[in-house]
Structure formats: C-alpha cells, structure tokens
Amino acid sequence: MPYAFRSIELRSQKAEPVALSIFPLRGPRNARAEDLDLSVGKSGDKVSVRLHTRGDAGGQKVLLGY
C-alpha cells in the first residue's frame, strides 16, 4: 500500500464584516435589571426591539443602553 506524508496547510479564514443595527433602549432612570423585559422579533426584513418595564409609572424615559 503506497503512502506519503503531506504537510497540512493551515489557513486562517477571516470572516467578512457584517453591518449591524444599533437599537437605543429607553426606560425609567431608576430601572433595575430585574424590572426589564427585552423582546426581539423579526418579520421579513424588519427587526423590532421592545423594552417593557414593570412598575413603570409612565414618567420620563432615559437612555439605558444600546
């Protein structure tokens, strides 16, 4: 049975860059992590991000993060 030793070529594959959307998340200034409910949905080409807060009195919303 013929045989041969061949060296293995190691190639690093670089992933192509992907454009991602940034979604601002707004809620009450004093919101705690356990009071937040984040849901993400997709319909066709559109993505929706919703942030629900428990105990929200409808006050002014501030930027909590992205």
C-alpha atoms as a PDB file:
ATOM      1  CA  MET A   1       0.000   0.000   0.000  1.00  0.00           C
ATOM      2  CA  PRO A   2       1.630   3.270  -1.059  1.00  0.00           C
ATOM      3  CA  TYR A   3       1.679   6.103   1.447  1.00  0.00           C
ATOM      4  CA  ALA A   4       3.092   9.600   1.820  1.00  0.00           C
ATOM      5  CA  PHE A   5       3.391  12.233   4.499  1.00  0.00           C
ATOM      6  CA  ARG A   6       1.853  15.529   3.461  1.00  0.00           C
ATOM      7  CA  SER A   7       2.017  18.708   5.460  1.00  0.00           C
ATOM      8  CA  ILE A   8      -1.296  20.240   6.411  1.00  0.00           C
ATOM      9  CA  GLU A   9      -1.858  23.763   5.175  1.00  0.00           C
ATOM     10  CA  LEU A  10      -3.233  25.933   7.923  1.00  0.00           C
ATOM     11  CA  ARG A  11      -5.322  28.743   6.553  1.00  0.00           C
ATOM     12  CA  SER A  12      -6.940  31.326   8.713  1.00  0.00           C
ATOM     13  CA  GLN A  13     -10.298  32.342   7.375  1.00  0.00           C
ATOM     14  CA  LYS A  14     -11.230  35.904   8.063  1.00  0.00           C
ATOM     15  CA  ALA A  15     -14.944  36.499   8.415  1.00  0.00           C
ATOM     16  CA  GLU A  16     -16.483  39.175   6.239  1.00  0.00           C
ATOM     17  CA  PRO A  17     -17.657  42.271   8.130  1.00  0.00           C
ATOM     18  CA  VAL A  18     -21.380  42.470   8.813  1.00  0.00           C
ATOM     19  CA  ALA A  19     -23.308  45.701   9.288  1.00  0.00           C
ATOM     20  CA  LEU A  20     -25.347  45.623  12.496  1.00  0.00           C
ATOM     21  CA  SER A  21     -28.118  47.941  13.608  1.00  0.00           C
ATOM     22  CA  ILE A  22     -27.967  49.770  16.919  1.00  0.00           C
ATOM     23  CA  PHE A  23     -31.166  49.999  18.955  1.00  0.00           C
ATOM     24  CA  PRO A  24     -31.444  52.556  21.773  1.00  0.00           C
ATOM     25  CA  LEU A  25     -33.100  51.120  24.894  1.00  0.00           C
ATOM     26  CA  ARG A  26     -35.071  53.672  26.903  1.00  0.00           C
ATOM     27  CA  GLY A  27     -36.785  53.277  30.249  1.00  0.00           C
ATOM     28  CA  PRO A  28     -37.171  54.824  33.691  1.00  0.00           C
ATOM     29  CA  ARG A  29     -33.985  56.299  35.172  1.00  0.00           C
ATOM     30  CA  ASN A  30     -34.177  54.102  38.287  1.00  0.00           C
ATOM     31  CA  ALA A  31     -34.912  50.828  36.402  1.00  0.00           C
ATOM     32  CA  ARG A  32     -33.247  47.702  37.777  1.00  0.00           C
ATOM     33  CA  ALA A  33     -32.251  44.789  35.535  1.00  0.00           C
ATOM     34  CA  GLU A  34     -34.923  42.525  37.065  1.00  0.00           C
ATOM     35  CA  ASP A  35     -37.593  45.111  36.129  1.00  0.00           C
ATOM     36  CA  LEU A  36     -36.731  44.994  32.412  1.00  0.00           C
ATOM     37  CA  ASP A  37     -38.152  42.627  29.813  1.00  0.00           C
ATOM     38  CA  LEU A  38     -36.445  42.801  26.417  1.00  0.00           C
ATOM     39  CA  SER A  39     -38.012  41.122  23.388  1.00  0.00           C
ATOM     40  CA  VAL A  40     -36.685  40.955  19.851  1.00  0.00           C
ATOM     41  CA  GLY A  41     -38.808  39.949  16.870  1.00  0.00           C
ATOM     42  CA  LYS A  42     -38.263  39.604  13.155  1.00  0.00           C
ATOM     43  CA  SER A  43     -40.794  39.874  10.374  1.00  0.00           C
ATOM     44  CA  GLY A  44     -39.370  39.652   6.880  1.00  0.00           C
ATOM     45  CA  ASP A  45     -36.512  42.151   6.643  1.00  0.00           C
ATOM     46  CA  LYS A  46     -37.610  44.149   9.705  1.00  0.00           C
ATOM     47  CA  VAL A  47     -36.438  43.611  13.263  1.00  0.00           C
ATOM     48  CA  SER A  48     -38.288  45.081  16.226  1.00  0.00           C
ATOM     49  CA  VAL A  49     -36.854  45.555  19.702  1.00  0.00           C
ATOM     50  CA  ARG A  50     -39.201  46.214  22.624  1.00  0.00           C
ATOM     51  CA  LEU A  51     -38.279  47.030  26.168  1.00  0.00           C
ATOM     52  CA  HIS A  52     -41.041  46.644  28.750  1.00  0.00           C
ATOM     53  CA  THR A  53     -40.557  47.752  32.324  1.00  0.00           C
ATOM     54  CA  ARG A  54     -42.505  46.513  35.316  1.00  0.00           C
ATOM     55  CA  GLY A  55     -43.895  49.150  37.628  1.00  0.00           C
ATOM     56  CA  ASP A  56     -43.400  51.910  35.052  1.00  0.00           C
ATOM     57  CA  ALA A  57     -45.451  54.921  36.104  1.00  0.00           C
ATOM     58  CA  GLY A  58     -45.193  56.468  32.637  1.00  0.00           C
ATOM     59  CA  GLY A  59     -42.557  59.018  33.679  1.00  0.00           C
ATOM     60  CA  GLN A  60     -39.807  60.423  31.506  1.00  0.00           C
ATOM     61  CA  LYS A  61     -37.723  57.747  29.820  1.00  0.00           C
ATOM     62  CA  VAL A  62     -33.934  57.986  29.647  1.00  0.00           C
ATOM     63  CA  LEU A  63     -31.369  56.142  27.556  1.00  0.00           C
ATOM     64  CA  LEU A  64     -30.441  52.938  29.424  1.00  0.00           C
ATOM     65  CA  GLY A  65     -28.120  51.471  26.806  1.00  0.00           C
ATOM     66  CA  TYR A  66     -27.900  50.034  23.307  1.00  0.00           C
END
